[in-house]
Amino acid sequence: MDFLKEFYSGKIRPADANLYYNPEYKKAEREFSDLYSDFINGMPQERIEQLGELLEANNHISSIAEEENFNFGFSLGVQMVYSCFNCTKKHKAMN
């Protein structure tokens, strides 16, 4: 199956990419986990739950931004390809 068919049919899903292979991601995840554990240590349960809600809201904002950035990047890529084809046509016309 070619790329466009796979992309159209939902078989290619960049948002589901597994980042765990990336050592930098693993390191950042560990650091976050350690900081979070230290931060909530001794904190009342009610405050831990509020912090969880705050982090969920932040994750939601981040996922919206990621989607918008993906869409923008994809649009820029398409414009770049279009510009390349357009440029090629101009150069062929000059020869």
N, C-alpha and C. Protein backbone atom coordinates (compact mmCIF):
# COMPACT_ATOMS: atom_id res chain seq x y z
N MET A 1 0.86 -1.19 0.00
CA MET A 1 0.00 0.00 0.00
C MET A 1 0.89 1.24 0.00
N ASP A 2 0.54 2.23 -0.77
CA ASP A 2 1.38 3.42 -0.82
C ASP A 2 1.09 4.36 0.36
N PHE A 3 1.98 5.30 0.53
CA PHE A 3 1.93 6.20 1.68
C PHE A 3 0.59 6.91 1.81
N LEU A 4 0.08 7.52 0.75
CA LEU A 4 -1.15 8.30 0.84
C LEU A 4 -2.33 7.43 1.25
N LYS A 5 -2.40 6.20 0.72
CA LYS A 5 -3.49 5.30 1.10
C LYS A 5 -3.39 4.92 2.57
N GLU A 6 -2.18 4.64 3.03
CA GLU A 6 -1.99 4.29 4.44
C GLU A 6 -2.33 5.48 5.34
N PHE A 7 -1.91 6.65 4.94
CA PHE A 7 -2.19 7.86 5.71
C PHE A 7 -3.69 8.13 5.75
N TYR A 8 -4.34 8.04 4.60
CA TYR A 8 -5.79 8.27 4.51
C TYR A 8 -6.57 7.26 5.34
N SER A 9 -6.15 6.02 5.31
CA SER A 9 -6.90 4.97 6.01
C SER A 9 -6.60 4.94 7.51
N GLY A 10 -5.73 5.81 7.97
CA GLY A 10 -5.45 5.89 9.40
C GLY A 10 -4.40 4.92 9.88
N LYS A 11 -3.70 4.25 8.97
CA LYS A 11 -2.67 3.30 9.37
C LYS A 11 -1.38 4.01 9.79
N ILE A 12 -1.23 5.24 9.36
CA ILE A 12 -0.09 6.07 9.79
C ILE A 12 -0.64 7.12 10.73
N ARG A 13 -0.22 7.03 11.98
CA ARG A 13 -0.72 7.93 13.01
C ARG A 13 0.46 8.52 13.78
N PRO A 14 0.97 9.66 13.35
CA PRO A 14 2.14 10.25 14.01
C PRO A 14 1.94 10.50 15.50
N ALA A 15 0.72 10.80 15.91
CA ALA A 15 0.47 11.09 17.32
C ALA A 15 0.66 9.86 18.20
N ASP A 16 0.60 8.68 17.61
CA ASP A 16 0.76 7.45 18.38
C ASP A 16 2.20 6.95 18.38
N ALA A 17 3.12 7.76 17.88
CA ALA A 17 4.51 7.33 17.80
C ALA A 17 5.04 6.99 19.18
N ASN A 18 5.81 5.95 19.26
CA ASN A 18 6.40 5.51 20.52
C ASN A 18 7.71 6.27 20.73
N LEU A 19 7.73 7.11 21.74
CA LEU A 19 8.92 7.93 22.01
C LEU A 19 9.90 7.24 22.95
N TYR A 20 9.55 6.05 23.44
CA TYR A 20 10.37 5.41 24.46
C TYR A 20 11.74 4.98 23.96
N TYR A 21 11.92 4.90 22.65
CA TYR A 21 13.23 4.54 22.11
C TYR A 21 14.22 5.69 22.24
N ASN A 22 13.71 6.90 22.45
CA ASN A 22 14.54 8.10 22.49
C ASN A 22 15.14 8.25 23.89
N PRO A 23 16.47 8.17 24.03
CA PRO A 23 17.09 8.28 25.35
C PRO A 23 16.81 9.61 26.04
N GLU A 24 16.73 10.67 25.28
CA GLU A 24 16.44 11.99 25.87
C GLU A 24 15.03 12.00 26.48
N TYR A 25 14.09 11.37 25.79
CA TYR A 25 12.72 11.28 26.29
C TYR A 25 12.68 10.46 27.58
N LYS A 26 13.37 9.32 27.58
CA LYS A 26 13.41 8.47 28.77
C LYS A 26 13.98 9.25 29.96
N LYS A 27 15.06 9.98 29.71
CA LYS A 27 15.71 10.75 30.78
C LYS A 27 14.75 11.82 31.32
N ALA A 28 14.10 12.55 30.43
CA ALA A 28 13.17 13.61 30.85
C ALA A 28 11.99 13.01 31.63
N GLU A 29 11.51 11.86 31.18
CA GLU A 29 10.40 11.20 31.87
C GLU A 29 10.81 10.78 33.29
N ARG A 30 12.02 10.22 33.42
CA ARG A 30 12.53 9.83 34.74
C ARG A 30 12.68 11.05 35.66
N GLU A 31 13.23 12.13 35.11
CA GLU A 31 13.41 13.34 35.91
C GLU A 31 12.07 13.88 36.38
N PHE A 32 11.08 13.88 35.49
CA PHE A 32 9.76 14.35 35.87
C PHE A 32 9.18 13.47 36.98
N SER A 33 9.30 12.18 36.80
CA SER A 33 8.75 11.23 37.78
C SER A 33 9.40 11.44 39.15
N ASP A 34 10.72 11.61 39.17
CA ASP A 34 11.43 11.83 40.44
C ASP A 34 11.00 13.15 41.09
N LEU A 35 10.93 14.21 40.29
CA LEU A 35 10.52 15.51 40.82
C LEU A 35 9.08 15.46 41.35
N TYR A 36 8.22 14.79 40.62
CA TYR A 36 6.81 14.67 41.03
C TYR A 36 6.72 13.92 42.36
N SER A 37 7.42 12.82 42.46
CA SER A 37 7.39 12.04 43.71
C SER A 37 7.89 12.85 44.89
N ASP A 38 9.00 13.56 44.69
CA ASP A 38 9.53 14.41 45.76
C ASP A 38 8.55 15.51 46.13
N PHE A 39 7.90 16.09 45.12
CA PHE A 39 7.00 17.21 45.34
C PHE A 39 5.77 16.80 46.15
N ILE A 40 5.19 15.65 45.82
CA ILE A 40 3.94 15.26 46.50
C ILE A 40 4.18 14.53 47.82
N ASN A 41 5.43 14.20 48.11
CA ASN A 41 5.74 13.49 49.34
C ASN A 41 5.29 14.31 50.55
N GLY A 42 4.37 13.77 51.32
CA GLY A 42 3.85 14.46 52.50
C GLY A 42 2.73 15.43 52.22
N MET A 43 2.34 15.57 50.97
CA MET A 43 1.28 16.50 50.60
C MET A 43 -0.08 15.86 50.91
N PRO A 44 -1.03 16.65 51.42
CA PRO A 44 -2.37 16.11 51.67
C PRO A 44 -3.01 15.57 50.38
N GLN A 45 -3.80 14.52 50.49
CA GLN A 45 -4.42 13.86 49.33
C GLN A 45 -5.22 14.83 48.48
N GLU A 46 -5.93 15.76 49.12
CA GLU A 46 -6.74 16.73 48.37
C GLU A 46 -5.87 17.58 47.44
N ARG A 47 -4.70 17.99 47.94
CA ARG A 47 -3.79 18.79 47.12
C ARG A 47 -3.18 17.95 45.99
N ILE A 48 -2.90 16.67 46.26
CA ILE A 48 -2.39 15.78 45.23
C ILE A 48 -3.41 15.64 44.11
N GLU A 49 -4.68 15.52 44.48
CA GLU A 49 -5.74 15.42 43.47
C GLU A 49 -5.86 16.71 42.66
N GLN A 50 -5.75 17.85 43.33
CA GLN A 50 -5.79 19.13 42.61
C GLN A 50 -4.61 19.25 41.65
N LEU A 51 -3.45 18.81 42.10
CA LEU A 51 -2.27 18.83 41.24
C LEU A 51 -2.51 17.93 40.02
N GLY A 52 -3.12 16.78 40.24
CA GLY A 52 -3.44 15.88 39.13
C GLY A 52 -4.36 16.55 38.12
N GLU A 53 -5.36 17.27 38.61
CA GLU A 53 -6.27 17.99 37.72
C GLU A 53 -5.53 19.08 36.95
N LEU A 54 -4.64 19.77 37.64
CA LEU A 54 -3.84 20.82 36.99
C LEU A 54 -2.97 20.22 35.89
N LEU A 55 -2.33 19.10 36.18
CA LEU A 55 -1.47 18.45 35.18
C LEU A 55 -2.29 17.94 34.00
N GLU A 56 -3.48 17.41 34.26
CA GLU A 56 -4.36 16.97 33.17
C GLU A 56 -4.75 18.13 32.27
N ALA A 57 -5.08 19.28 32.88
CA ALA A 57 -5.43 20.46 32.10
C ALA A 57 -4.25 20.91 31.25
N ASN A 58 -3.06 20.86 31.83
CA ASN A 58 -1.86 21.24 31.09
C ASN A 58 -1.59 20.25 29.94
N ASN A 59 -1.78 18.97 30.19
CA ASN A 59 -1.61 17.96 29.14
C ASN A 59 -2.59 18.19 28.00
N HIS A 60 -3.80 18.58 28.34
CA HIS A 60 -4.82 18.85 27.31
C HIS A 60 -4.39 20.03 26.44
N ILE A 61 -3.91 21.08 27.08
CA ILE A 61 -3.42 22.25 26.34
C ILE A 61 -2.26 21.83 25.43
N SER A 62 -1.35 21.03 25.96
CA SER A 62 -0.21 20.58 25.17
C SER A 62 -0.64 19.74 23.98
N SER A 63 -1.63 18.87 24.17
CA SER A 63 -2.06 18.02 23.05
C SER A 63 -2.73 18.86 21.96
N ILE A 64 -3.45 19.90 22.35
CA ILE A 64 -4.05 20.80 21.35
C ILE A 64 -2.94 21.52 20.59
N ALA A 65 -1.94 22.00 21.31
CA ALA A 65 -0.81 22.70 20.66
C ALA A 65 -0.06 21.75 19.74
N GLU A 66 0.16 20.50 20.16
CA GLU A 66 0.85 19.53 19.32
C GLU A 66 0.09 19.29 18.03
N GLU A 67 -1.22 19.15 18.13
CA GLU A 67 -2.03 18.93 16.93
C GLU A 67 -1.96 20.13 15.99
N GLU A 68 -2.07 21.32 16.55
CA GLU A 68 -2.00 22.53 15.73
C GLU A 68 -0.62 22.66 15.06
N ASN A 69 0.43 22.37 15.82
CA ASN A 69 1.78 22.44 15.25
C ASN A 69 1.97 21.39 14.16
N PHE A 70 1.43 20.19 14.36
CA PHE A 70 1.50 19.16 13.33
C PHE A 70 0.80 19.63 12.07
N ASN A 71 -0.41 20.15 12.23
CA ASN A 71 -1.17 20.63 11.08
C ASN A 71 -0.43 21.75 10.36
N PHE A 72 0.12 22.68 11.11
CA PHE A 72 0.87 23.79 10.52
C PHE A 72 2.10 23.27 9.79
N GLY A 73 2.84 22.36 10.42
CA GLY A 73 4.03 21.80 9.80
C GLY A 73 3.69 21.04 8.53
N PHE A 74 2.61 20.29 8.56
CA PHE A 74 2.18 19.56 7.38
C PHE A 74 1.82 20.54 6.26
N SER A 75 1.11 21.61 6.61
CA SER A 75 0.75 22.63 5.61
C SER A 75 1.99 23.28 5.02
N LEU A 76 2.97 23.57 5.87
CA LEU A 76 4.21 24.15 5.37
C LEU A 76 4.92 23.18 4.42
N GLY A 77 4.91 21.91 4.76
CA GLY A 77 5.53 20.91 3.90
C GLY A 77 4.86 20.85 2.54
N VAL A 78 3.53 20.89 2.54
CA VAL A 78 2.80 20.86 1.28
C VAL A 78 3.11 22.12 0.46
N GLN A 79 3.16 23.27 1.12
CA GLN A 79 3.48 24.51 0.42
C GLN A 79 4.90 24.46 -0.16
N MET A 80 5.81 23.83 0.59
CA MET A 80 7.19 23.73 0.12
C MET A 80 7.24 22.85 -1.14
N VAL A 81 6.55 21.71 -1.11
CA VAL A 81 6.53 20.82 -2.28
C VAL A 81 5.89 21.54 -3.46
N TYR A 82 4.78 22.23 -3.22
CA TYR A 82 4.12 22.97 -4.28
C TYR A 82 5.06 24.01 -4.89
N SER A 83 5.78 24.71 -4.01
CA SER A 83 6.71 25.74 -4.47
C SER A 83 7.82 25.12 -5.32
N CYS A 84 8.28 23.94 -4.91
CA CYS A 84 9.33 23.26 -5.69
C CYS A 84 8.83 22.89 -7.07
N PHE A 85 7.61 22.34 -7.15
CA PHE A 85 7.05 21.99 -8.46
C PHE A 85 6.84 23.23 -9.30
N ASN A 86 6.36 24.29 -8.68
CA ASN A 86 6.13 25.54 -9.38
C ASN A 86 7.45 26.11 -9.90
N CYS A 87 8.48 26.03 -9.08
CA CYS A 87 9.79 26.53 -9.48
C CYS A 87 10.35 25.72 -10.64
N THR A 88 10.15 24.41 -10.59
CA THR A 88 10.61 23.54 -11.67
C THR A 88 9.93 23.92 -12.98
N LYS A 89 8.64 24.19 -12.93
CA LYS A 89 7.91 24.58 -14.14
C LYS A 89 8.46 25.89 -14.70
N LYS A 90 8.77 26.83 -13.81
CA LYS A 90 9.31 28.12 -14.26
C LYS A 90 10.65 27.94 -14.96
N HIS A 91 11.50 27.08 -14.35
CA HIS A 91 12.82 26.87 -14.93
C HIS A 91 12.74 26.14 -16.27
N LYS A 92 11.80 25.20 -16.41
CA LYS A 92 11.62 24.51 -17.67
C LYS A 92 11.16 25.49 -18.75
N ALA A 93 10.32 26.42 -18.34
CA ALA A 93 9.82 27.41 -19.30
C ALA A 93 10.94 28.34 -19.76
N MET A 94 11.96 28.54 -18.91
CA MET A 94 13.06 29.43 -19.26
C MET A 94 14.03 28.78 -20.24
N ASN A 95 14.10 27.46 -20.24
CA ASN A 95 15.07 26.76 -21.11
C ASN A 95 14.62 26.70 -22.52
